[in-house]
N, C-alpha and C. Protein backbone atom coordinates (compact mmCIF):
# COMPACT_ATOMS: atom_id res chain seq x y z
N THR A 1 43.27 -9.71 -0.55
CA THR A 1 44.16 -8.74 0.05
C THR A 1 43.34 -7.64 0.71
N VAL A 2 43.96 -6.96 1.64
CA VAL A 2 43.28 -5.93 2.41
C VAL A 2 44.14 -4.68 2.41
N ASN A 3 43.51 -3.52 2.25
CA ASN A 3 44.23 -2.27 2.37
C ASN A 3 44.51 -2.05 3.85
N GLY A 4 45.76 -2.15 4.24
CA GLY A 4 46.14 -2.03 5.64
C GLY A 4 46.05 -0.65 6.22
N ASN A 5 45.66 0.34 5.41
CA ASN A 5 45.50 1.71 5.90
C ASN A 5 44.05 2.14 5.96
N ASP A 6 43.13 1.22 5.81
CA ASP A 6 41.71 1.56 5.72
C ASP A 6 40.93 0.90 6.86
N VAL A 7 40.50 1.71 7.80
CA VAL A 7 39.74 1.21 8.95
C VAL A 7 38.47 0.51 8.50
N GLU A 8 37.90 0.93 7.38
CA GLU A 8 36.64 0.32 6.96
C GLU A 8 36.76 -1.18 6.70
N ASN A 9 37.91 -1.63 6.19
CA ASN A 9 38.10 -3.08 6.02
C ASN A 9 38.02 -3.78 7.37
N ALA A 10 38.70 -3.23 8.37
CA ALA A 10 38.67 -3.82 9.70
C ALA A 10 37.28 -3.74 10.32
N ALA A 11 36.59 -2.63 10.08
CA ALA A 11 35.24 -2.46 10.65
C ALA A 11 34.26 -3.48 10.08
N TRP A 12 34.25 -3.64 8.76
CA TRP A 12 33.32 -4.59 8.16
C TRP A 12 33.68 -6.02 8.52
N HIS A 13 34.96 -6.33 8.64
CA HIS A 13 35.38 -7.65 9.09
C HIS A 13 34.86 -7.88 10.51
N PHE A 14 35.04 -6.88 11.37
CA PHE A 14 34.54 -6.96 12.75
C PHE A 14 33.04 -7.23 12.77
N LEU A 15 32.30 -6.46 11.98
CA LEU A 15 30.84 -6.59 11.97
C LEU A 15 30.41 -7.99 11.52
N CYS A 16 31.07 -8.53 10.52
CA CYS A 16 30.74 -9.87 10.04
C CYS A 16 31.06 -10.94 11.08
N VAL A 17 32.26 -10.86 11.66
CA VAL A 17 32.65 -11.83 12.68
C VAL A 17 31.74 -11.71 13.90
N ALA A 18 31.40 -10.50 14.29
CA ALA A 18 30.52 -10.31 15.46
C ALA A 18 29.17 -10.96 15.24
N ARG A 19 28.63 -10.86 14.04
CA ARG A 19 27.33 -11.49 13.77
C ARG A 19 27.43 -13.01 13.80
N MET A 20 28.55 -13.53 13.33
CA MET A 20 28.70 -14.99 13.26
C MET A 20 29.14 -15.59 14.59
N ASP A 21 30.12 -14.96 15.24
CA ASP A 21 30.77 -15.59 16.39
C ASP A 21 30.73 -14.77 17.67
N GLY A 22 30.13 -13.58 17.62
CA GLY A 22 30.04 -12.75 18.81
C GLY A 22 31.08 -11.64 18.85
N VAL A 23 30.80 -10.64 19.65
CA VAL A 23 31.64 -9.45 19.75
C VAL A 23 33.02 -9.79 20.31
N ALA A 24 33.10 -10.66 21.30
CA ALA A 24 34.41 -11.01 21.87
C ALA A 24 35.32 -11.63 20.81
N ALA A 25 34.78 -12.52 20.00
CA ALA A 25 35.56 -13.13 18.93
C ALA A 25 35.97 -12.10 17.89
N ALA A 26 35.07 -11.18 17.58
CA ALA A 26 35.38 -10.13 16.61
C ALA A 26 36.50 -9.24 17.12
N ARG A 27 36.48 -8.92 18.40
CA ARG A 27 37.56 -8.10 18.97
C ARG A 27 38.89 -8.85 18.95
N ALA A 28 38.83 -10.13 19.22
CA ALA A 28 40.06 -10.93 19.23
C ALA A 28 40.67 -11.05 17.83
N ARG A 29 39.82 -10.97 16.80
CA ARG A 29 40.29 -11.12 15.43
C ARG A 29 40.26 -9.80 14.65
N LEU A 30 40.22 -8.69 15.34
CA LEU A 30 40.20 -7.38 14.69
C LEU A 30 41.43 -7.21 13.83
N LEU A 31 41.22 -6.83 12.57
CA LEU A 31 42.34 -6.64 11.65
C LEU A 31 43.18 -5.44 12.07
N PRO A 32 44.50 -5.56 12.02
CA PRO A 32 45.35 -4.41 12.33
C PRO A 32 45.29 -3.39 11.20
N VAL A 33 45.38 -2.13 11.57
CA VAL A 33 45.32 -1.05 10.58
C VAL A 33 46.42 -0.04 10.89
N ALA A 34 47.16 0.32 9.85
CA ALA A 34 48.12 1.40 9.98
C ALA A 34 47.32 2.69 10.07
N PRO A 35 47.92 3.77 10.47
CA PRO A 35 47.13 5.00 10.63
C PRO A 35 46.30 5.37 9.40
N ASP A 36 45.01 5.53 9.63
CA ASP A 36 44.06 6.00 8.62
C ASP A 36 43.86 7.47 8.92
N SER A 37 44.21 8.33 7.99
CA SER A 37 44.21 9.77 8.25
C SER A 37 42.83 10.40 8.28
N ARG A 38 41.81 9.64 7.89
CA ARG A 38 40.46 10.21 7.86
C ARG A 38 39.87 10.32 9.26
N VAL A 39 39.38 11.48 9.59
CA VAL A 39 38.70 11.72 10.86
C VAL A 39 37.30 11.15 10.73
N PRO A 40 36.81 10.35 11.66
CA PRO A 40 37.31 9.86 12.94
C PRO A 40 37.68 8.37 12.88
N MET A 41 38.21 7.90 11.77
CA MET A 41 38.32 6.46 11.55
C MET A 41 39.18 5.73 12.58
N MET A 42 40.26 6.29 13.03
CA MET A 42 41.06 5.58 14.04
C MET A 42 40.30 5.46 15.35
N GLU A 43 39.46 6.46 15.67
CA GLU A 43 38.63 6.36 16.89
C GLU A 43 37.54 5.32 16.70
N VAL A 44 37.03 5.17 15.47
CA VAL A 44 36.05 4.11 15.17
C VAL A 44 36.71 2.75 15.43
N LEU A 45 37.94 2.58 14.98
CA LEU A 45 38.65 1.32 15.21
C LEU A 45 38.80 1.07 16.71
N GLU A 46 39.14 2.11 17.45
CA GLU A 46 39.26 1.97 18.91
C GLU A 46 37.93 1.56 19.54
N MET A 47 36.82 2.09 19.02
CA MET A 47 35.50 1.73 19.53
C MET A 47 35.23 0.25 19.29
N PHE A 48 35.49 -0.22 18.08
CA PHE A 48 35.28 -1.64 17.79
C PHE A 48 36.18 -2.51 18.65
N ALA A 49 37.38 -2.03 18.96
CA ALA A 49 38.30 -2.79 19.80
C ALA A 49 37.89 -2.79 21.27
N GLY A 50 36.92 -1.94 21.63
CA GLY A 50 36.47 -1.85 23.01
C GLY A 50 37.27 -0.87 23.85
N ARG A 51 38.10 -0.06 23.20
CA ARG A 51 38.94 0.90 23.92
C ARG A 51 38.43 2.33 23.82
N SER A 52 37.30 2.52 23.16
CA SER A 52 36.70 3.84 23.02
C SER A 52 35.18 3.66 23.06
N THR A 53 34.48 4.76 23.03
CA THR A 53 33.02 4.74 23.12
C THR A 53 32.42 5.50 21.95
N PRO A 54 31.13 5.28 21.68
CA PRO A 54 30.47 6.09 20.66
C PRO A 54 30.57 7.59 20.95
N GLU A 55 30.50 7.96 22.21
CA GLU A 55 30.60 9.37 22.57
C GLU A 55 31.97 9.94 22.19
N GLN A 56 33.01 9.15 22.38
CA GLN A 56 34.35 9.61 22.02
C GLN A 56 34.51 9.71 20.50
N VAL A 57 33.89 8.80 19.76
CA VAL A 57 33.93 8.88 18.30
C VAL A 57 33.27 10.18 17.84
N LEU A 58 32.11 10.50 18.41
CA LEU A 58 31.43 11.75 18.05
C LEU A 58 32.24 12.98 18.45
N GLU A 59 32.92 12.91 19.57
CA GLU A 59 33.76 14.03 20.01
C GLU A 59 34.88 14.28 19.00
N VAL A 60 35.54 13.21 18.55
CA VAL A 60 36.61 13.35 17.56
C VAL A 60 36.05 13.86 16.23
N ALA A 61 34.91 13.32 15.81
CA ALA A 61 34.30 13.76 14.55
C ALA A 61 33.88 15.22 14.63
N SER A 62 33.32 15.62 15.75
CA SER A 62 32.87 17.00 15.92
C SER A 62 34.03 17.98 15.92
N ALA A 63 35.20 17.53 16.32
CA ALA A 63 36.38 18.40 16.33
C ALA A 63 36.80 18.80 14.92
N ALA A 64 36.31 18.08 13.91
CA ALA A 64 36.62 18.41 12.52
C ALA A 64 35.73 19.54 12.00
N ASP A 65 34.83 20.06 12.83
CA ASP A 65 33.91 21.12 12.42
C ASP A 65 34.67 22.29 11.80
N GLY A 66 34.18 22.73 10.67
CA GLY A 66 34.81 23.85 9.99
C GLY A 66 35.89 23.45 9.01
N THR A 67 36.23 22.16 8.97
CA THR A 67 37.24 21.69 8.03
C THR A 67 36.55 21.04 6.84
N ALA A 68 37.33 20.72 5.82
CA ALA A 68 36.79 20.06 4.63
C ALA A 68 36.26 18.67 4.98
N GLN A 69 36.75 18.07 6.05
CA GLN A 69 36.31 16.73 6.45
C GLN A 69 35.09 16.72 7.36
N SER A 70 34.55 17.87 7.69
CA SER A 70 33.50 17.96 8.70
C SER A 70 32.30 17.06 8.44
N GLU A 71 31.63 17.21 7.29
CA GLU A 71 30.43 16.40 7.01
C GLU A 71 30.78 14.93 6.87
N SER A 72 31.87 14.64 6.21
CA SER A 72 32.31 13.26 6.04
C SER A 72 32.59 12.63 7.40
N ALA A 73 33.26 13.36 8.28
CA ALA A 73 33.59 12.84 9.61
C ALA A 73 32.33 12.50 10.39
N LEU A 74 31.35 13.38 10.36
CA LEU A 74 30.11 13.13 11.09
C LEU A 74 29.31 11.99 10.45
N PHE A 75 29.29 11.92 9.13
CA PHE A 75 28.60 10.82 8.46
C PHE A 75 29.18 9.49 8.90
N TYR A 76 30.49 9.33 8.78
CA TYR A 76 31.11 8.05 9.12
C TYR A 76 31.00 7.75 10.61
N ALA A 77 31.08 8.76 11.45
CA ALA A 77 30.91 8.55 12.88
C ALA A 77 29.54 7.96 13.17
N TYR A 78 28.49 8.60 12.68
CA TYR A 78 27.14 8.11 12.96
C TYR A 78 26.87 6.75 12.31
N LEU A 79 27.37 6.53 11.10
CA LEU A 79 27.15 5.23 10.45
C LEU A 79 27.79 4.11 11.27
N TYR A 80 29.06 4.25 11.59
CA TYR A 80 29.74 3.17 12.30
C TYR A 80 29.30 3.04 13.75
N ILE A 81 28.90 4.12 14.37
CA ILE A 81 28.31 4.02 15.71
C ILE A 81 27.02 3.22 15.64
N GLY A 82 26.19 3.50 14.64
CA GLY A 82 24.95 2.75 14.48
C GLY A 82 25.19 1.28 14.24
N LEU A 83 26.12 0.95 13.38
CA LEU A 83 26.44 -0.45 13.10
C LEU A 83 26.99 -1.14 14.35
N TYR A 84 27.79 -0.41 15.11
CA TYR A 84 28.33 -0.92 16.37
C TYR A 84 27.21 -1.23 17.35
N HIS A 85 26.29 -0.30 17.51
CA HIS A 85 25.15 -0.54 18.40
C HIS A 85 24.34 -1.74 17.93
N GLU A 86 24.22 -1.89 16.63
CA GLU A 86 23.44 -3.01 16.10
C GLU A 86 24.05 -4.35 16.51
N VAL A 87 25.36 -4.52 16.38
CA VAL A 87 25.96 -5.81 16.75
C VAL A 87 25.98 -6.01 18.25
N LEU A 88 25.86 -4.92 19.02
CA LEU A 88 25.77 -5.05 20.47
C LEU A 88 24.32 -5.21 20.93
N ASP A 89 23.41 -5.40 19.97
CA ASP A 89 21.99 -5.62 20.24
C ASP A 89 21.35 -4.43 20.98
N ARG A 90 21.61 -3.25 20.46
CA ARG A 90 21.01 -2.02 20.96
C ARG A 90 20.22 -1.40 19.80
N PRO A 91 19.06 -1.96 19.48
CA PRO A 91 18.35 -1.55 18.26
C PRO A 91 17.92 -0.08 18.25
N ALA A 92 17.49 0.46 19.36
CA ALA A 92 17.05 1.86 19.37
C ALA A 92 18.22 2.79 19.07
N GLU A 93 19.37 2.53 19.69
CA GLU A 93 20.55 3.35 19.46
C GLU A 93 21.05 3.20 18.02
N ALA A 94 20.97 1.97 17.49
CA ALA A 94 21.38 1.71 16.11
C ALA A 94 20.52 2.51 15.14
N ARG A 95 19.19 2.43 15.31
CA ARG A 95 18.27 3.17 14.43
C ARG A 95 18.54 4.67 14.49
N ALA A 96 18.73 5.18 15.69
CA ALA A 96 18.94 6.62 15.84
C ALA A 96 20.22 7.07 15.14
N ALA A 97 21.32 6.38 15.37
CA ALA A 97 22.60 6.81 14.79
C ALA A 97 22.61 6.64 13.27
N ILE A 98 22.14 5.50 12.79
CA ILE A 98 22.14 5.30 11.34
C ILE A 98 21.14 6.24 10.68
N GLY A 99 20.07 6.56 11.37
CA GLY A 99 19.12 7.55 10.85
C GLY A 99 19.77 8.91 10.64
N VAL A 100 20.62 9.31 11.57
CA VAL A 100 21.34 10.58 11.42
C VAL A 100 22.28 10.52 10.22
N ALA A 101 22.98 9.40 10.06
CA ALA A 101 23.88 9.24 8.91
C ALA A 101 23.12 9.27 7.59
N ALA A 102 21.92 8.73 7.61
CA ALA A 102 21.12 8.64 6.38
C ALA A 102 20.40 9.93 6.02
N THR A 103 20.15 10.80 7.01
CA THR A 103 19.32 11.97 6.72
C THR A 103 19.95 13.32 7.05
N GLU A 104 20.79 13.38 8.08
CA GLU A 104 21.33 14.68 8.51
C GLU A 104 22.75 14.93 8.05
N HIS A 105 23.59 13.93 8.12
CA HIS A 105 25.00 14.05 7.70
C HIS A 105 25.23 13.03 6.60
N THR A 106 24.65 13.27 5.46
CA THR A 106 24.62 12.29 4.39
C THR A 106 25.90 12.29 3.57
N SER A 107 26.02 11.27 2.77
CA SER A 107 27.14 11.16 1.83
C SER A 107 26.56 10.90 0.45
N PRO A 108 27.07 11.57 -0.59
CA PRO A 108 26.56 11.33 -1.94
C PRO A 108 27.17 10.08 -2.58
N TYR A 109 28.06 9.41 -1.87
CA TYR A 109 28.75 8.25 -2.41
C TYR A 109 28.05 6.95 -1.99
N TYR A 110 28.59 5.81 -2.40
CA TYR A 110 27.91 4.55 -2.14
C TYR A 110 27.71 4.26 -0.66
N MET A 111 28.59 4.76 0.20
CA MET A 111 28.38 4.52 1.63
C MET A 111 27.15 5.28 2.13
N GLY A 112 26.81 6.38 1.47
CA GLY A 112 25.55 7.06 1.79
C GLY A 112 24.37 6.17 1.46
N ASP A 113 24.47 5.44 0.35
CA ASP A 113 23.42 4.48 0.00
C ASP A 113 23.35 3.37 1.04
N VAL A 114 24.49 2.92 1.50
CA VAL A 114 24.52 1.90 2.55
C VAL A 114 23.76 2.39 3.77
N ALA A 115 24.00 3.63 4.17
CA ALA A 115 23.31 4.19 5.34
C ALA A 115 21.81 4.28 5.11
N ARG A 116 21.42 4.77 3.94
CA ARG A 116 19.98 4.93 3.66
C ARG A 116 19.25 3.58 3.59
N VAL A 117 19.86 2.59 2.95
CA VAL A 117 19.25 1.26 2.87
C VAL A 117 19.19 0.64 4.26
N HIS A 118 20.26 0.76 5.01
CA HIS A 118 20.29 0.17 6.36
C HIS A 118 19.27 0.85 7.27
N ALA A 119 19.14 2.17 7.15
CA ALA A 119 18.13 2.88 7.95
C ALA A 119 16.73 2.39 7.62
N ALA A 120 16.46 2.16 6.35
CA ALA A 120 15.14 1.66 5.93
C ALA A 120 14.92 0.26 6.50
N LEU A 121 15.92 -0.59 6.48
CA LEU A 121 15.78 -1.95 7.02
C LEU A 121 15.53 -1.93 8.52
N LEU A 122 16.22 -1.03 9.22
CA LEU A 122 16.04 -0.96 10.67
C LEU A 122 14.68 -0.37 11.05
N ALA A 123 14.09 0.39 10.15
CA ALA A 123 12.78 0.99 10.42
C ALA A 123 11.65 -0.03 10.29
N GLU A 124 11.91 -1.14 9.64
CA GLU A 124 10.85 -2.15 9.41
C GLU A 124 10.52 -2.92 10.67
């Protein structure tokens, strides 16, 4: 089963399908998501769908500045932008974005560990 309100389920599904079958197939099979209230997750979904850009994701995340969601928004924006660049075969952009998620806008939760481990792997 899948939480239909969580963009992360759709994002990780997209990333897995993109690695196996390509980005076009991943977009065609993108899981539907009801509104996810976390900033900038709906914009992340739009980016994976090809209807938004990494710049727009950062713009939405940056708009949360000064709110309780500010650091979390920037962390998730940079993490998913980096993963997106990685499946689009843009290694320099992937390293840069995931590096920011791992060091500048960190998370103390397990997704922060995901960012730090992934940043280390991309640095090799």
